[in-house]
């Protein structure tokens, strides 16, 4: 457990969405601040992708990443 305390999450927490090891770290060392940062990034990214004249496939790809994140972590992002 002492080594776990030395591991730091990356500044760009979006990496958590695609990296199963970082997802496990967030589960083992939960932090409201880290989860809030992931939630805020997701909200901004989904809003931007859905509202612009972007490729519909880009939104579907993003939603698949979010689905995988939820499936692996059992944490549902909360958007204000």
N, C-alpha and C. Protein backbone atom coordinates (compact mmCIF):
# COMPACT_ATOMS: atom_id res chain seq x y z
N UNK A 1 0.82 -1.19 0.00
CA UNK A 1 0.00 0.00 0.00
C UNK A 1 0.87 1.26 0.00
N UNK A 2 2.07 1.17 0.54
CA UNK A 2 2.95 2.34 0.58
C UNK A 2 3.31 2.79 -0.83
N UNK A 3 3.51 1.84 -1.74
CA UNK A 3 3.84 2.19 -3.12
C UNK A 3 2.67 2.85 -3.82
N UNK A 4 1.47 2.48 -3.47
CA UNK A 4 0.29 3.06 -4.08
C UNK A 4 0.21 4.55 -3.77
N UNK A 5 0.67 4.95 -2.61
CA UNK A 5 0.63 6.36 -2.24
C UNK A 5 1.57 7.20 -3.10
N UNK A 6 2.60 6.59 -3.69
CA UNK A 6 3.56 7.32 -4.51
C UNK A 6 3.07 7.54 -5.93
N UNK A 7 2.09 6.79 -6.36
CA UNK A 7 1.58 6.90 -7.73
C UNK A 7 0.69 8.13 -7.83
N UNK A 8 0.94 8.93 -8.83
CA UNK A 8 0.15 10.14 -9.05
C UNK A 8 -0.65 10.00 -10.33
N UNK A 9 -1.85 10.52 -10.32
CA UNK A 9 -2.65 10.56 -11.53
C UNK A 9 -2.08 11.60 -12.48
N UNK A 10 -2.24 11.41 -13.77
CA UNK A 10 -1.71 12.39 -14.72
C UNK A 10 -2.49 13.70 -14.65
N UNK A 11 -1.85 14.77 -15.10
CA UNK A 11 -2.53 16.07 -15.12
C UNK A 11 -3.73 16.04 -16.05
N UNK A 12 -3.60 15.34 -17.16
CA UNK A 12 -4.70 15.20 -18.11
C UNK A 12 -5.50 13.96 -17.73
N UNK A 13 -6.49 14.12 -16.88
CA UNK A 13 -7.25 12.97 -16.39
C UNK A 13 -8.09 12.30 -17.45
N UNK A 14 -8.17 12.89 -18.63
CA UNK A 14 -8.89 12.23 -19.72
C UNK A 14 -8.22 10.88 -20.01
N UNK A 15 -6.96 10.74 -19.70
CA UNK A 15 -6.26 9.47 -19.91
C UNK A 15 -6.91 8.34 -19.12
N UNK A 16 -7.59 8.69 -18.03
CA UNK A 16 -8.26 7.69 -17.21
C UNK A 16 -9.34 6.96 -18.01
N UNK A 17 -9.95 7.65 -18.95
CA UNK A 17 -11.04 7.04 -19.71
C UNK A 17 -10.57 5.88 -20.57
N UNK A 18 -9.32 5.91 -21.00
CA UNK A 18 -8.83 4.89 -21.91
C UNK A 18 -7.83 3.93 -21.28
N UNK A 19 -7.43 4.17 -20.07
CA UNK A 19 -6.38 3.35 -19.45
C UNK A 19 -6.94 2.57 -18.26
N UNK A 20 -7.08 1.25 -18.42
CA UNK A 20 -7.64 0.44 -17.32
C UNK A 20 -6.83 0.52 -16.02
N UNK A 21 -5.51 0.69 -16.12
CA UNK A 21 -4.70 0.79 -14.90
C UNK A 21 -5.00 2.07 -14.13
N UNK A 22 -5.17 3.16 -14.86
CA UNK A 22 -5.53 4.42 -14.18
C UNK A 22 -6.93 4.34 -13.60
N UNK A 23 -7.82 3.63 -14.27
CA UNK A 23 -9.17 3.45 -13.74
C UNK A 23 -9.12 2.69 -12.42
N UNK A 24 -8.29 1.66 -12.37
CA UNK A 24 -8.16 0.89 -11.12
C UNK A 24 -7.55 1.76 -10.02
N UNK A 25 -6.59 2.60 -10.39
CA UNK A 25 -6.00 3.49 -9.40
C UNK A 25 -7.05 4.43 -8.83
N UNK A 26 -7.91 4.95 -9.67
CA UNK A 26 -8.97 5.84 -9.18
C UNK A 26 -9.92 5.11 -8.26
N UNK A 27 -10.13 3.82 -8.52
CA UNK A 27 -11.01 3.04 -7.65
C UNK A 27 -10.34 2.74 -6.31
N UNK A 28 -9.03 2.49 -6.35
CA UNK A 28 -8.31 2.16 -5.12
C UNK A 28 -8.03 3.39 -4.26
N UNK A 29 -7.88 4.53 -4.93
CA UNK A 29 -7.61 5.78 -4.21
C UNK A 29 -8.58 6.85 -4.68
N UNK A 30 -9.85 6.70 -4.29
CA UNK A 30 -10.87 7.64 -4.78
C UNK A 30 -10.61 9.06 -4.29
N UNK A 31 -10.97 9.99 -5.16
CA UNK A 31 -10.80 11.40 -4.84
C UNK A 31 -11.94 12.17 -5.49
N UNK A 32 -12.63 12.96 -4.70
CA UNK A 32 -13.72 13.77 -5.25
C UNK A 32 -13.18 14.75 -6.29
N UNK A 33 -11.99 15.28 -6.05
CA UNK A 33 -11.40 16.22 -6.99
C UNK A 33 -11.11 15.55 -8.33
N UNK A 34 -10.52 14.38 -8.30
CA UNK A 34 -10.21 13.66 -9.54
C UNK A 34 -11.48 13.30 -10.30
N UNK A 35 -12.47 12.79 -9.59
CA UNK A 35 -13.72 12.42 -10.25
C UNK A 35 -14.41 13.65 -10.82
N UNK A 36 -14.35 14.75 -10.10
CA UNK A 36 -14.94 15.99 -10.59
C UNK A 36 -14.24 16.46 -11.87
N UNK A 37 -12.93 16.33 -11.93
CA UNK A 37 -12.19 16.72 -13.13
C UNK A 37 -12.57 15.86 -14.32
N UNK A 38 -12.71 14.56 -14.11
CA UNK A 38 -13.14 13.66 -15.19
C UNK A 38 -14.56 14.03 -15.63
N UNK A 39 -15.44 14.25 -14.68
CA UNK A 39 -16.83 14.62 -14.99
C UNK A 39 -16.89 15.91 -15.81
N UNK A 40 -16.12 16.91 -15.39
CA UNK A 40 -16.13 18.19 -16.10
C UNK A 40 -15.60 18.04 -17.52
N UNK A 41 -14.54 17.27 -17.68
CA UNK A 41 -14.00 17.06 -19.02
C UNK A 41 -15.03 16.35 -19.89
N UNK A 42 -15.65 15.31 -19.35
CA UNK A 42 -16.65 14.57 -20.12
C UNK A 42 -17.81 15.46 -20.54
N UNK A 43 -18.29 16.26 -19.61
CA UNK A 43 -19.41 17.14 -19.92
C UNK A 43 -19.05 18.10 -21.05
N UNK A 44 -17.88 18.70 -20.95
CA UNK A 44 -17.45 19.66 -21.97
C UNK A 44 -17.26 18.96 -23.32
N UNK A 45 -16.64 17.82 -23.31
CA UNK A 45 -16.35 17.12 -24.56
C UNK A 45 -17.63 16.62 -25.23
N UNK A 46 -18.53 16.05 -24.46
CA UNK A 46 -19.79 15.56 -25.02
C UNK A 46 -20.61 16.73 -25.56
N UNK A 47 -20.68 17.82 -24.81
CA UNK A 47 -21.44 18.99 -25.27
C UNK A 47 -20.87 19.54 -26.57
N UNK A 48 -19.55 19.66 -26.62
CA UNK A 48 -18.90 20.19 -27.81
C UNK A 48 -19.11 19.27 -29.02
N UNK A 49 -18.94 17.98 -28.81
CA UNK A 49 -19.07 17.03 -29.91
C UNK A 49 -20.51 16.94 -30.39
N UNK A 50 -21.46 17.02 -29.48
CA UNK A 50 -22.87 16.89 -29.86
C UNK A 50 -23.43 18.16 -30.47
N UNK A 51 -22.91 19.33 -30.10
CA UNK A 51 -23.51 20.57 -30.56
C UNK A 51 -22.91 21.10 -31.85
N UNK A 52 -21.70 20.74 -32.16
CA UNK A 52 -21.07 21.23 -33.37
C UNK A 52 -21.49 20.40 -34.57
N UNK A 53 -21.10 20.87 -35.72
CA UNK A 53 -21.36 20.12 -36.95
C UNK A 53 -20.26 19.08 -37.14
N UNK A 54 -20.05 18.30 -36.10
CA UNK A 54 -19.00 17.30 -36.15
C UNK A 54 -19.54 15.99 -36.73
N UNK A 55 -18.62 15.15 -37.02
CA UNK A 55 -18.94 13.84 -37.57
C UNK A 55 -19.73 13.04 -36.53
N UNK A 56 -20.89 12.50 -36.91
CA UNK A 56 -21.67 11.71 -35.95
C UNK A 56 -20.87 10.52 -35.40
N UNK A 57 -19.92 10.02 -36.17
CA UNK A 57 -19.10 8.92 -35.69
C UNK A 57 -18.22 9.34 -34.52
N UNK A 58 -17.82 10.62 -34.49
CA UNK A 58 -16.99 11.11 -33.39
C UNK A 58 -17.76 11.05 -32.07
N UNK A 59 -19.04 11.42 -32.11
CA UNK A 59 -19.86 11.34 -30.91
C UNK A 59 -20.06 9.90 -30.48
N UNK A 60 -20.30 9.03 -31.43
CA UNK A 60 -20.48 7.61 -31.10
C UNK A 60 -19.20 7.02 -30.51
N UNK A 61 -18.05 7.39 -31.05
CA UNK A 61 -16.78 6.91 -30.51
C UNK A 61 -16.59 7.38 -29.07
N UNK A 62 -16.91 8.65 -28.82
CA UNK A 62 -16.78 9.19 -27.48
C UNK A 62 -17.73 8.48 -26.51
N UNK A 63 -18.94 8.24 -26.94
CA UNK A 63 -19.91 7.55 -26.07
C UNK A 63 -19.48 6.11 -25.79
N UNK A 64 -18.83 5.47 -26.74
CA UNK A 64 -18.31 4.12 -26.51
C UNK A 64 -17.21 4.13 -25.44
N UNK A 65 -16.35 5.14 -25.49
CA UNK A 65 -15.30 5.27 -24.48
C UNK A 65 -15.92 5.47 -23.11
N UNK A 66 -16.94 6.33 -23.03
CA UNK A 66 -17.62 6.58 -21.76
C UNK A 66 -18.30 5.30 -21.27
N UNK A 67 -18.92 4.57 -22.18
CA UNK A 67 -19.58 3.32 -21.80
C UNK A 67 -18.55 2.33 -21.23
N UNK A 68 -17.41 2.20 -21.88
CA UNK A 68 -16.37 1.29 -21.39
C UNK A 68 -15.87 1.73 -20.02
N UNK A 69 -15.71 3.05 -19.84
CA UNK A 69 -15.26 3.58 -18.56
C UNK A 69 -16.25 3.22 -17.45
N UNK A 70 -17.53 3.41 -17.72
CA UNK A 70 -18.56 3.09 -16.72
C UNK A 70 -18.59 1.60 -16.44
N UNK A 71 -18.47 0.81 -17.47
CA UNK A 71 -18.51 -0.65 -17.30
C UNK A 71 -17.34 -1.13 -16.43
N UNK A 72 -16.16 -0.58 -16.63
CA UNK A 72 -14.99 -1.02 -15.88
C UNK A 72 -14.93 -0.47 -14.47
N UNK A 73 -15.34 0.78 -14.29
CA UNK A 73 -15.21 1.41 -12.98
C UNK A 73 -16.47 1.34 -12.13
N UNK A 74 -17.61 1.12 -12.77
CA UNK A 74 -18.91 1.13 -12.08
C UNK A 74 -19.18 2.52 -11.47
N UNK A 75 -18.58 3.53 -12.08
CA UNK A 75 -18.77 4.92 -11.65
C UNK A 75 -19.46 5.66 -12.78
N UNK A 76 -20.63 6.17 -12.49
CA UNK A 76 -21.37 6.93 -13.49
C UNK A 76 -21.01 8.40 -13.33
N UNK A 77 -20.51 9.01 -14.39
CA UNK A 77 -20.19 10.44 -14.30
C UNK A 77 -21.42 11.25 -13.91
N UNK A 78 -21.19 12.25 -13.10
CA UNK A 78 -22.30 13.13 -12.70
C UNK A 78 -22.06 14.49 -13.31
N UNK A 79 -23.02 14.95 -14.06
CA UNK A 79 -22.93 16.24 -14.70
C UNK A 79 -23.85 17.22 -13.98
N UNK A 80 -23.32 18.43 -13.72
CA UNK A 80 -24.15 19.42 -13.02
C UNK A 80 -25.33 19.86 -13.84
